[in-house]
Amino acid sequence: MTEANTKPVSNKQPILRLSGITKTFGAVAALADIQLEVHEGEVVALVGDNGAGKSTLIKILAGVQQPTSGTIEFLGKNVEIANPSHALHMGIATVYQDLALCENLDVVANLFLGQEMSPWALDEVSMEVRAWQLLGELAARIPSVREPIASLSGGQRQTVAIARSILLDPKIVMLDEPTAALGVAQTAEVLNLVERLRDRGHGVILISHNMDNVRAVADKIVVLRLGRNNGTFQADAPHEQIISAIMGSTDNSVSRREATEKDRSQS
């Protein structure tokens, strides 16, 4: 595995640790022996070409699919993520690229969709207060929480989706291409939100094809290629090294396997 260490590695136990995650569809291996760690207050960028296995890995962590083999360790315990609801309530939130927002509803309704405050009847006042509080913590630029989603910009919609994802204070937030199709100003707004998530202590998994955005906010970059790990880099590693790992000019998965086999043979 290629490493470019420019800052000390945390001695704390990771929030999330994946070991040997493999997913097969018949004879096709979408993922093979994936290793991944995410620590508190860390942004881990997951990058790779189309077909690298990023989406499959995210679906496994979101409870949409089950791994064929391997272990998922969350908060120090081995877990099985049964379904998306289980993932959310155990502390893993996902913001997909399509955002899944209801354009005819306002910001408050979208934030609390499926998680409404309703001890006896719908508590609109408490939800509105909590919405302003949550958006304030993220320094979000939303003109009004009663604004319909249809009237918001792309960056503001992404903000609402991210705010909704942290409503239950998850330990891990996964963002799938959060800056896709956004302008420069809106992209900067979303990247600021990613940094605020890190400052709040969330572990963030960021999927993006935009290497400039990745390098702007990520603490660590994990490259997948053809369903395997192909390098882990600090964000200030040489650009050429990361691109080479993505494109397959360097095959770090092979060297890593050979090193592992050599260690085993010597033990």
C-alpha atoms as a PDB file:
ATOM      1  CA  MET A   1       0.000   0.000   0.000  1.00  0.00           C
ATOM      2  CA  THR A   2       1.271   3.396  -0.928  1.00  0.00           C
ATOM      3  CA  GLU A   3       1.398   5.843   1.970  1.00  0.00           C
ATOM      4  CA  ALA A   4       2.248   9.525   2.081  1.00  0.00           C
ATOM      5  CA  ASN A   5       2.361  10.312   5.783  1.00  0.00           C
ATOM      6  CA  THR A   6       2.400  14.002   6.519  1.00  0.00           C
ATOM      7  CA  LYS A   7       0.674  14.058   9.902  1.00  0.00           C
ATOM      8  CA  PRO A   8       0.616  11.737  12.909  1.00  0.00           C
ATOM      9  CA  VAL A   9      -1.823   8.829  12.811  1.00  0.00           C
ATOM     10  CA  SER A  10      -4.429   8.890  15.587  1.00  0.00           C
ATOM     11  CA  ASN A  11      -3.950   6.297  18.299  1.00  0.00           C
ATOM     12  CA  LYS A  12      -7.673   6.315  19.023  1.00  0.00           C
ATOM     13  CA  GLN A  13      -9.791   3.361  18.002  1.00  0.00           C
ATOM     14  CA  PRO A  14     -11.537   4.060  14.683  1.00  0.00           C
ATOM     15  CA  ILE A  15     -15.282   4.617  14.651  1.00  0.00           C
ATOM     16  CA  LEU A  16     -15.537   2.296  11.657  1.00  0.00           C
ATOM     17  CA  ARG A  17     -13.203  -0.487  10.567  1.00  0.00           C
ATOM     18  CA  LEU A  18     -13.781  -2.760   7.583  1.00  0.00           C
ATOM     19  CA  SER A  19     -11.757  -5.950   7.273  1.00  0.00           C
ATOM     20  CA  GLY A  20     -11.799  -8.236   4.259  1.00  0.00           C
ATOM     21  CA  ILE A  21     -15.132  -6.962   2.902  1.00  0.00           C
ATOM     22  CA  THR A  22     -16.021  -8.976  -0.190  1.00  0.00           C
ATOM     23  CA  LYS A  23     -19.184  -8.821  -2.293  1.00  0.00           C
ATOM     24  CA  THR A  24     -19.916 -11.201  -5.136  1.00  0.00           C
ATOM     25  CA  PHE A  25     -22.795 -11.326  -7.583  1.00  0.00           C
ATOM     26  CA  GLY A  26     -22.641 -14.881  -8.890  1.00  0.00           C
ATOM     27  CA  ALA A  27     -19.183 -15.295 -10.411  1.00  0.00           C
ATOM     28  CA  VAL A  28     -18.532 -11.541 -10.434  1.00  0.00           C
ATOM     29  CA  ALA A  29     -16.600 -10.035  -7.507  1.00  0.00           C
ATOM     30  CA  ALA A  30     -17.690  -6.411  -7.083  1.00  0.00           C
ATOM     31  CA  LEU A  31     -15.512  -6.055  -3.970  1.00  0.00           C
ATOM     32  CA  ALA A  32     -12.586  -8.171  -2.807  1.00  0.00           C
ATOM     33  CA  ASP A  33     -10.850  -7.939   0.586  1.00  0.00           C
ATOM     34  CA  ILE A  34     -11.624  -4.252   1.203  1.00  0.00           C
ATOM     35  CA  GLN A  35      -9.913  -2.632   4.206  1.00  0.00           C
ATOM     36  CA  LEU A  36     -11.027   0.775   5.487  1.00  0.00           C
ATOM     37  CA  GLU A  37     -10.814   2.807   8.693  1.00  0.00           C
ATOM     38  CA  VAL A  38     -12.589   6.044   9.621  1.00  0.00           C
ATOM     39  CA  HIS A  39     -11.793   7.975  12.816  1.00  0.00           C
ATOM     40  CA  GLU A  40     -13.720  10.610  14.707  1.00  0.00           C
ATOM     41  CA  GLY A  41     -13.397  14.040  13.088  1.00  0.00           C
ATOM     42  CA  GLU A  42     -11.805  12.620   9.927  1.00  0.00           C
ATOM     43  CA  VAL A  43     -12.790  13.081   6.291  1.00  0.00           C
ATOM     44  CA  VAL A  44     -11.952   9.988   4.239  1.00  0.00           C
ATOM     45  CA  ALA A  45     -12.328  10.410   0.484  1.00  0.00           C
ATOM     46  CA  LEU A  46     -13.223   7.266  -1.413  1.00  0.00           C
ATOM     47  CA  VAL A  47     -12.091   7.632  -5.020  1.00  0.00           C
ATOM     48  CA  GLY A  48     -11.796   5.455  -8.069  1.00  0.00           C
ATOM     49  CA  ASP A  49     -12.859   5.127 -11.675  1.00  0.00           C
ATOM     50  CA  ASN A  50     -16.342   3.959 -12.682  1.00  0.00           C
ATOM     51  CA  GLY A  51     -16.748   0.323 -11.682  1.00  0.00           C
ATOM     52  CA  ALA A  52     -14.167   0.578  -8.893  1.00  0.00           C
ATOM     53  CA  GLY A  53     -16.688  -0.598  -6.281  1.00  0.00           C
ATOM     54  CA  LYS A  54     -17.400   2.675  -4.467  1.00  0.00           C
ATOM     55  CA  SER A  55     -21.179   2.486  -4.795  1.00  0.00           C
ATOM     56  CA  THR A  56     -21.288  -1.149  -3.739  1.00  0.00           C
ATOM     57  CA  LEU A  57     -19.250  -0.389  -0.633  1.00  0.00           C
ATOM     58  CA  ILE A  58     -21.494   2.539   0.300  1.00  0.00           C
ATOM     59  CA  LYS A  59     -24.598   0.370  -0.168  1.00  0.00           C
ATOM     60  CA  ILE A  60     -23.143  -2.202   2.217  1.00  0.00           C
ATOM     61  CA  LEU A  61     -22.455   0.436   4.858  1.00  0.00           C
ATOM     62  CA  ALA A  62     -25.919   1.937   4.314  1.00  0.00           C
ATOM     63  CA  GLY A  63     -27.575  -1.451   4.843  1.00  0.00           C
ATOM     64  CA  VAL A  64     -28.870  -1.685   1.268  1.00  0.00           C
ATOM     65  CA  GLN A  65     -26.746  -4.750   0.491  1.00  0.00           C
ATOM     66  CA  GLN A  66     -25.072  -7.386   2.629  1.00  0.00           C
ATOM     67  CA  PRO A  67     -21.390  -8.348   2.219  1.00  0.00           C
ATOM     68  CA  THR A  68     -20.609 -11.862   1.071  1.00  0.00           C
ATOM     69  CA  SER A  69     -17.803 -12.054   3.627  1.00  0.00           C
ATOM     70  CA  GLY A  70     -15.653  -9.870   5.860  1.00  0.00           C
ATOM     71  CA  THR A  71     -16.306  -7.957   9.069  1.00  0.00           C
ATOM     72  CA  ILE A  72     -17.691  -4.507   9.865  1.00  0.00           C
ATOM     73  CA  GLU A  73     -16.533  -3.101  13.200  1.00  0.00           C
ATOM     74  CA  PHE A  74     -18.478  -0.092  14.470  1.00  0.00           C
ATOM     75  CA  LEU A  75     -17.601   1.613  17.768  1.00  0.00           C
ATOM     76  CA  GLY A  76     -15.403  -1.342  18.670  1.00  0.00           C
ATOM     77  CA  LYS A  77     -18.007  -4.062  18.053  1.00  0.00           C
ATOM     78  CA  ASN A  78     -18.570  -6.383  15.111  1.00  0.00           C
ATOM     79  CA  VAL A  79     -21.925  -5.554  13.555  1.00  0.00           C
ATOM     80  CA  GLU A  80     -24.240  -6.649  10.767  1.00  0.00           C
ATOM     81  CA  ILE A  81     -26.149  -3.794   9.128  1.00  0.00           C
ATOM     82  CA  ALA A  82     -29.542  -5.292   8.396  1.00  0.00           C
ATOM     83  CA  ASN A  83     -31.190  -2.469   6.456  1.00  0.00           C
ATOM     84  CA  PRO A  84     -31.038   1.314   5.897  1.00  0.00           C
ATOM     85  CA  SER A  85     -33.160   2.065   8.971  1.00  0.00           C
ATOM     86  CA  HIS A  86     -30.810  -0.023  11.099  1.00  0.00           C
ATOM     87  CA  ALA A  87     -27.787   1.809   9.667  1.00  0.00           C
ATOM     88  CA  LEU A  88     -29.320   5.205  10.445  1.00  0.00           C
ATOM     89  CA  HIS A  89     -30.305   4.374  14.006  1.00  0.00           C
ATOM     90  CA  MET A  90     -26.964   2.759  14.810  1.00  0.00           C
ATOM     91  CA  GLY A  91     -25.199   5.937  13.653  1.00  0.00           C
ATOM     92  CA  ILE A  92     -24.427   5.715   9.909  1.00  0.00           C
ATOM     93  CA  ALA A  93     -26.176   8.315   7.728  1.00  0.00           C
ATOM     94  CA  THR A  94     -26.040   8.539   3.943  1.00  0.00           C
ATOM     95  CA  VAL A  95     -26.660  11.474   1.596  1.00  0.00           C
ATOM     96  CA  TYR A  96     -27.126  10.096  -1.902  1.00  0.00           C
ATOM     97  CA  GLN A  97     -26.450  12.033  -5.073  1.00  0.00           C
ATOM     98  CA  ASP A  98     -30.170  12.399  -5.865  1.00  0.00           C
ATOM     99  CA  LEU A  99     -30.707  13.896  -2.333  1.00  0.00           C
ATOM    100  CA  ALA A 100     -34.216  12.336  -2.045  1.00  0.00           C
ATOM    101  CA  LEU A 101     -35.882  15.658  -1.194  1.00  0.00           C
ATOM    102  CA  CYS A 102     -39.585  16.463  -1.697  1.00  0.00           C
ATOM    103  CA  GLU A 103     -39.669  19.661  -3.750  1.00  0.00           C
ATOM    104  CA  ASN A 104     -43.272  20.513  -2.856  1.00  0.00           C
ATOM    105  CA  LEU A 105     -42.479  20.523   0.904  1.00  0.00           C
ATOM    106  CA  ASP A 106     -40.619  23.175   2.878  1.00  0.00           C
ATOM    107  CA  VAL A 107     -37.237  22.840   4.595  1.00  0.00           C
ATOM    108  CA  VAL A 108     -38.702  21.812   7.956  1.00  0.00           C
ATOM    109  CA  ALA A 109     -40.851  19.070   6.446  1.00  0.00           C
ATOM    110  CA  ASN A 110     -37.885  17.688   4.518  1.00  0.00           C
ATOM    111  CA  LEU A 111     -35.580  17.757   7.533  1.00  0.00           C
ATOM    112  CA  PHE A 112     -38.037  15.751   9.624  1.00  0.00           C
ATOM    113  CA  LEU A 113     -39.504  13.562   6.888  1.00  0.00           C
ATOM    114  CA  GLY A 114     -40.169  10.214   8.568  1.00  0.00           C
ATOM    115  CA  GLN A 115     -38.801  11.521  11.890  1.00  0.00           C
ATOM    116  CA  GLU A 116     -41.487  14.031  12.795  1.00  0.00           C
ATOM    117  CA  MET A 117     -41.820  15.350  16.341  1.00  0.00           C
ATOM    118  CA  SER A 118     -45.332  14.272  17.265  1.00  0.00           C
ATOM    119  CA  PRO A 119     -46.011  13.233  20.890  1.00  0.00           C
ATOM    120  CA  TRP A 120     -49.766  13.782  20.339  1.00  0.00           C
ATOM    121  CA  ALA A 121     -50.010  15.896  17.201  1.00  0.00           C
ATOM    122  CA  LEU A 122     -47.420  17.186  14.754  1.00  0.00           C
ATOM    123  CA  ASP A 123     -45.233  19.609  16.752  1.00  0.00           C
ATOM    124  CA  GLU A 124     -44.556  22.219  14.073  1.00  0.00           C
ATOM    125  CA  VAL A 125     -43.122  24.777  16.494  1.00  0.00           C
ATOM    126  CA  SER A 126     -40.528  22.420  17.997  1.00  0.00           C
ATOM    127  CA  MET A 127     -39.516  21.181  14.562  1.00  0.00           C
ATOM    128  CA  GLU A 128     -39.050  24.716  13.276  1.00  0.00           C
ATOM    129  CA  VAL A 129     -36.936  25.664  16.313  1.00  0.00           C
ATOM    130  CA  ARG A 130     -34.809  22.539  15.893  1.00  0.00           C
ATOM    131  CA  ALA A 131     -34.456  23.206  12.153  1.00  0.00           C
ATOM    132  CA  TRP A 132     -33.075  26.716  12.751  1.00  0.00           C
ATOM    133  CA  GLN A 133     -30.750  25.336  15.434  1.00  0.00           C
ATOM    134  CA  LEU A 134     -29.409  22.584  13.182  1.00  0.00           C
ATOM    135  CA  LEU A 135     -28.882  24.893  10.211  1.00  0.00           C
ATOM    136  CA  GLY A 136     -27.234  27.434  12.500  1.00  0.00           C
ATOM    137  CA  GLU A 137     -24.753  24.834  13.741  1.00  0.00           C
ATOM    138  CA  LEU A 138     -23.771  24.233  10.127  1.00  0.00           C
ATOM    139  CA  ALA A 139     -23.707  27.964   9.338  1.00  0.00           C
ATOM    140  CA  ALA A 140     -26.085  27.166   6.505  1.00  0.00           C
ATOM    141  CA  ARG A 141     -27.280  29.910   4.176  1.00  0.00           C
ATOM    142  CA  ILE A 142     -30.991  29.111   4.022  1.00  0.00           C
ATOM    143  CA  PRO A 143     -33.279  32.182   3.813  1.00  0.00           C
ATOM    144  CA  SER A 144     -36.187  30.532   5.632  1.00  0.00           C
ATOM    145  CA  VAL A 145     -37.001  27.081   6.988  1.00  0.00           C
ATOM    146  CA  ARG A 146     -40.475  27.582   5.524  1.00  0.00           C
ATOM    147  CA  GLU A 147     -39.017  28.007   2.045  1.00  0.00           C
ATOM    148  CA  PRO A 148     -40.158  25.248  -0.354  1.00  0.00           C
ATOM    149  CA  ILE A 149     -37.316  23.055  -1.582  1.00  0.00           C
ATOM    150  CA  ALA A 150     -38.254  23.843  -5.199  1.00  0.00           C
ATOM    151  CA  SER A 151     -37.168  27.473  -4.708  1.00  0.00           C
ATOM    152  CA  LEU A 152     -33.706  26.639  -3.321  1.00  0.00           C
ATOM    153  CA  SER A 153     -30.408  26.489  -5.229  1.00  0.00           C
ATOM    154  CA  GLY A 154     -28.492  23.258  -5.734  1.00  0.00           C
ATOM    155  CA  GLY A 155     -26.094  24.110  -2.924  1.00  0.00           C
ATOM    156  CA  GLN A 156     -28.938  24.964  -0.557  1.00  0.00           C
ATOM    157  CA  ARG A 157     -30.677  21.668  -1.371  1.00  0.00           C
ATOM    158  CA  GLN A 158     -27.461  19.804  -0.621  1.00  0.00           C
ATOM    159  CA  THR A 159     -27.296  21.708   2.671  1.00  0.00           C
ATOM    160  CA  VAL A 160     -30.796  20.556   3.618  1.00  0.00           C
ATOM    161  CA  ALA A 161     -29.948  16.948   2.740  1.00  0.00           C
ATOM    162  CA  ILE A 162     -26.771  17.067   4.844  1.00  0.00           C
ATOM    163  CA  ALA A 163     -28.594  18.726   7.747  1.00  0.00           C
ATOM    164  CA  ARG A 164     -31.249  16.001   7.623  1.00  0.00           C
ATOM    165  CA  SER A 165     -28.548  13.333   7.746  1.00  0.00           C
ATOM    166  CA  ILE A 166     -27.201  14.603  11.084  1.00  0.00           C
ATOM    167  CA  LEU A 167     -30.582  15.016  12.759  1.00  0.00           C
ATOM    168  CA  LEU A 168     -29.956  11.858  14.825  1.00  0.00           C
ATOM    169  CA  ASP A 169     -26.315  12.828  15.470  1.00  0.00           C
ATOM    170  CA  PRO A 170     -24.679   9.960  13.547  1.00  0.00           C
ATOM    171  CA  LYS A 171     -21.085   8.926  14.048  1.00  0.00           C
ATOM    172  CA  ILE A 172     -20.496   8.446  10.300  1.00  0.00           C
ATOM    173  CA  VAL A 173     -21.871  10.590   7.457  1.00  0.00           C
ATOM    174  CA  MET A 174     -21.450   9.293   3.903  1.00  0.00           C
ATOM    175  CA  LEU A 175     -21.689  11.835   1.068  1.00  0.00           C
ATOM    176  CA  ASP A 176     -22.102  10.555  -2.505  1.00  0.00           C
ATOM    177  CA  GLU A 177     -20.827  13.137  -5.035  1.00  0.00           C
ATOM    178  CA  PRO A 178     -22.111  16.119  -2.997  1.00  0.00           C
ATOM    179  CA  THR A 179     -20.716  18.759  -5.382  1.00  0.00           C
ATOM    180  CA  ALA A 180     -21.800  17.182  -8.671  1.00  0.00           C
ATOM    181  CA  ALA A 181     -23.438  19.707 -11.030  1.00  0.00           C
ATOM    182  CA  LEU A 182     -22.861  22.628  -8.628  1.00  0.00           C
ATOM    183  CA  GLY A 183     -21.317  25.970  -9.507  1.00  0.00           C
ATOM    184  CA  VAL A 184     -18.150  27.339  -7.931  1.00  0.00           C
ATOM    185  CA  ALA A 185     -19.870  29.275  -5.134  1.00  0.00           C
ATOM    186  CA  GLN A 186     -22.257  26.426  -4.309  1.00  0.00           C
ATOM    187  CA  THR A 187     -19.399  23.924  -4.302  1.00  0.00           C
ATOM    188  CA  ALA A 188     -17.463  26.077  -1.829  1.00  0.00           C
ATOM    189  CA  GLU A 189     -20.553  26.204   0.383  1.00  0.00           C
ATOM    190  CA  VAL A 190     -20.857  22.404   0.411  1.00  0.00           C
ATOM    191  CA  LEU A 191     -17.139  21.925   1.093  1.00  0.00           C
ATOM    192  CA  ASN A 192     -17.486  24.268   4.065  1.00  0.00           C
ATOM    193  CA  LEU A 193     -20.291  22.029   5.318  1.00  0.00           C
ATOM    194  CA  VAL A 194     -18.014  18.987   5.042  1.00  0.00           C
ATOM    195  CA  GLU A 195     -15.431  20.768   7.186  1.00  0.00           C
ATOM    196  CA  ARG A 196     -18.105  21.648   9.740  1.00  0.00           C
ATOM    197  CA  LEU A 197     -19.127  18.004   9.940  1.00  0.00           C
ATOM    198  CA  ARG A 198     -15.506  17.153  10.706  1.00  0.00           C
ATOM    199  CA  ASP A 199     -15.323  19.932  13.309  1.00  0.00           C
ATOM    200  CA  ARG A 200     -18.421  18.492  14.984  1.00  0.00           C
ATOM    201  CA  GLY A 201     -16.589  15.175  15.378  1.00  0.00           C
ATOM    202  CA  HIS A 202     -18.386  13.198  12.687  1.00  0.00           C
ATOM    203  CA  GLY A 203     -16.434  10.735  10.617  1.00  0.00           C
ATOM    204  CA  VAL A 204     -17.086  11.578   6.956  1.00  0.00           C
ATOM    205  CA  ILE A 205     -16.808   9.292   3.937  1.00  0.00           C
ATOM    206  CA  LEU A 206     -16.742  11.442   0.810  1.00  0.00           C
ATOM    207  CA  ILE A 207     -17.198   9.970  -2.671  1.00  0.00           C
ATOM    208  CA  SER A 208     -16.143  12.339  -5.425  1.00  0.00           C
ATOM    209  CA  HIS A 209     -14.583  12.363  -8.881  1.00  0.00           C
ATOM    210  CA  ASN A 210     -13.396  15.940  -8.371  1.00  0.00           C
ATOM    211  CA  MET A 211      -9.835  15.664  -7.090  1.00  0.00           C
ATOM    212  CA  ASP A 212      -9.573  19.390  -6.338  1.00  0.00           C
ATOM    213  CA  ASN A 213     -12.546  19.113  -3.978  1.00  0.00           C
ATOM    214  CA  VAL A 214     -11.169  15.942  -2.452  1.00  0.00           C
ATOM    215  CA  ARG A 215      -7.788  17.452  -1.750  1.00  0.00           C
ATOM    216  CA  ALA A 216      -9.419  20.595  -0.320  1.00  0.00           C
ATOM    217  CA  VAL A 217     -11.230  18.814   2.525  1.00  0.00           C
ATOM    218  CA  ALA A 218     -10.018  15.206   2.879  1.00  0.00           C
ATOM    219  CA  ASP A 219      -7.619  14.035   5.575  1.00  0.00           C
ATOM    220  CA  LYS A 220      -7.091  10.706   3.841  1.00  0.00           C
ATOM    221  CA  ILE A 221      -7.725   9.419   0.325  1.00  0.00           C
ATOM    222  CA  VAL A 222      -8.549   5.756  -0.231  1.00  0.00           C
ATOM    223  CA  VAL A 223      -8.327   4.528  -3.820  1.00  0.00           C
ATOM    224  CA  LEU A 224     -10.415   1.611  -5.061  1.00  0.00           C
ATOM    225  CA  ARG A 225      -9.683  -0.064  -8.365  1.00  0.00           C
ATOM    226  CA  LEU A 226     -11.589  -3.026  -9.805  1.00  0.00           C
ATOM    227  CA  GLY A 227     -13.118  -3.742  -6.416  1.00  0.00           C
ATOM    228  CA  ARG A 228      -9.853  -3.725  -4.458  1.00  0.00           C
ATOM    229  CA  ASN A 229      -7.859  -1.288  -2.358  1.00  0.00           C
ATOM    230  CA  ASN A 230      -5.192   0.298  -4.518  1.00  0.00           C
ATOM    231  CA  GLY A 231      -3.563   2.798  -2.200  1.00  0.00           C
ATOM    232  CA  THR A 232      -4.164   5.050   0.795  1.00  0.00           C
ATOM    233  CA  PHE A 233      -2.765   8.585   0.679  1.00  0.00           C
ATOM    234  CA  GLN A 234      -2.744  11.742   2.723  1.00  0.00           C
ATOM    235  CA  ALA A 235      -4.499  14.573   0.881  1.00  0.00           C
ATOM    236  CA  ASP A 236      -1.249  16.427   0.130  1.00  0.00           C
ATOM    237  CA  ALA A 237       0.350  13.415  -1.537  1.00  0.00           C
ATOM    238  CA  PRO A 238       1.579  14.112  -5.085  1.00  0.00           C
ATOM    239  CA  HIS A 239      -1.349  14.382  -7.465  1.00  0.00           C
ATOM    240  CA  GLU A 240       0.351  12.043  -9.932  1.00  0.00           C
ATOM    241  CA  GLN A 241       0.573   9.242  -7.348  1.00  0.00           C
ATOM    242  CA  ILE A 242      -3.140   9.340  -6.648  1.00  0.00           C
ATOM    243  CA  ILE A 243      -4.099   9.482 -10.333  1.00  0.00           C
ATOM    244  CA  SER A 244      -1.730   6.599 -11.097  1.00  0.00           C
ATOM    245  CA  ALA A 245      -3.431   4.490  -8.437  1.00  0.00           C
ATOM    246  CA  ILE A 246      -6.879   5.376  -9.797  1.00  0.00           C
ATOM    247  CA  MET A 247      -5.925   4.577 -13.387  1.00  0.00           C
ATOM    248  CA  GLY A 248      -3.970   1.450 -12.513  1.00  0.00           C
ATOM    249  CA  SER A 249      -0.559   2.668 -13.601  1.00  0.00           C
ATOM    250  CA  THR A 250       0.572   1.524 -10.165  1.00  0.00           C
ATOM    251  CA  ASP A 251      -1.026  -1.583  -8.669  1.00  0.00           C
ATOM    252  CA  ASN A 252      -0.673  -1.204  -4.929  1.00  0.00           C
ATOM    253  CA  SER A 253      -3.181  -3.973  -4.255  1.00  0.00           C
ATOM    254  CA  VAL A 254      -0.793  -6.485  -5.827  1.00  0.00           C
ATOM    255  CA  SER A 255       2.216  -5.259  -3.858  1.00  0.00           C
ATOM    256  CA  ARG A 256       0.143  -5.289  -0.680  1.00  0.00           C
ATOM    257  CA  ARG A 257      -0.978  -8.880  -1.249  1.00  0.00           C
ATOM    258  CA  GLU A 258       2.567  -9.971  -2.034  1.00  0.00           C
ATOM    259  CA  ALA A 259       3.838  -8.292   1.145  1.00  0.00           C
ATOM    260  CA  THR A 260       1.122  -9.994   3.196  1.00  0.00           C
ATOM    261  CA  GLU A 261       1.927 -13.397   1.703  1.00  0.00           C
ATOM    262  CA  LYS A 262       5.651 -12.834   2.377  1.00  0.00           C
ATOM    263  CA  ASP A 263       4.954 -11.944   6.005  1.00  0.00           C
ATOM    264  CA  ARG A 264       2.844 -15.054   6.426  1.00  0.00           C
ATOM    265  CA  SER A 265       5.524 -17.272   4.903  1.00  0.00           C
ATOM    266  CA  GLN A 266       8.144 -15.863   7.273  1.00  0.00           C
ATOM    267  CA  SER A 267       5.994 -16.268  10.384  1.00  0.00           C
END
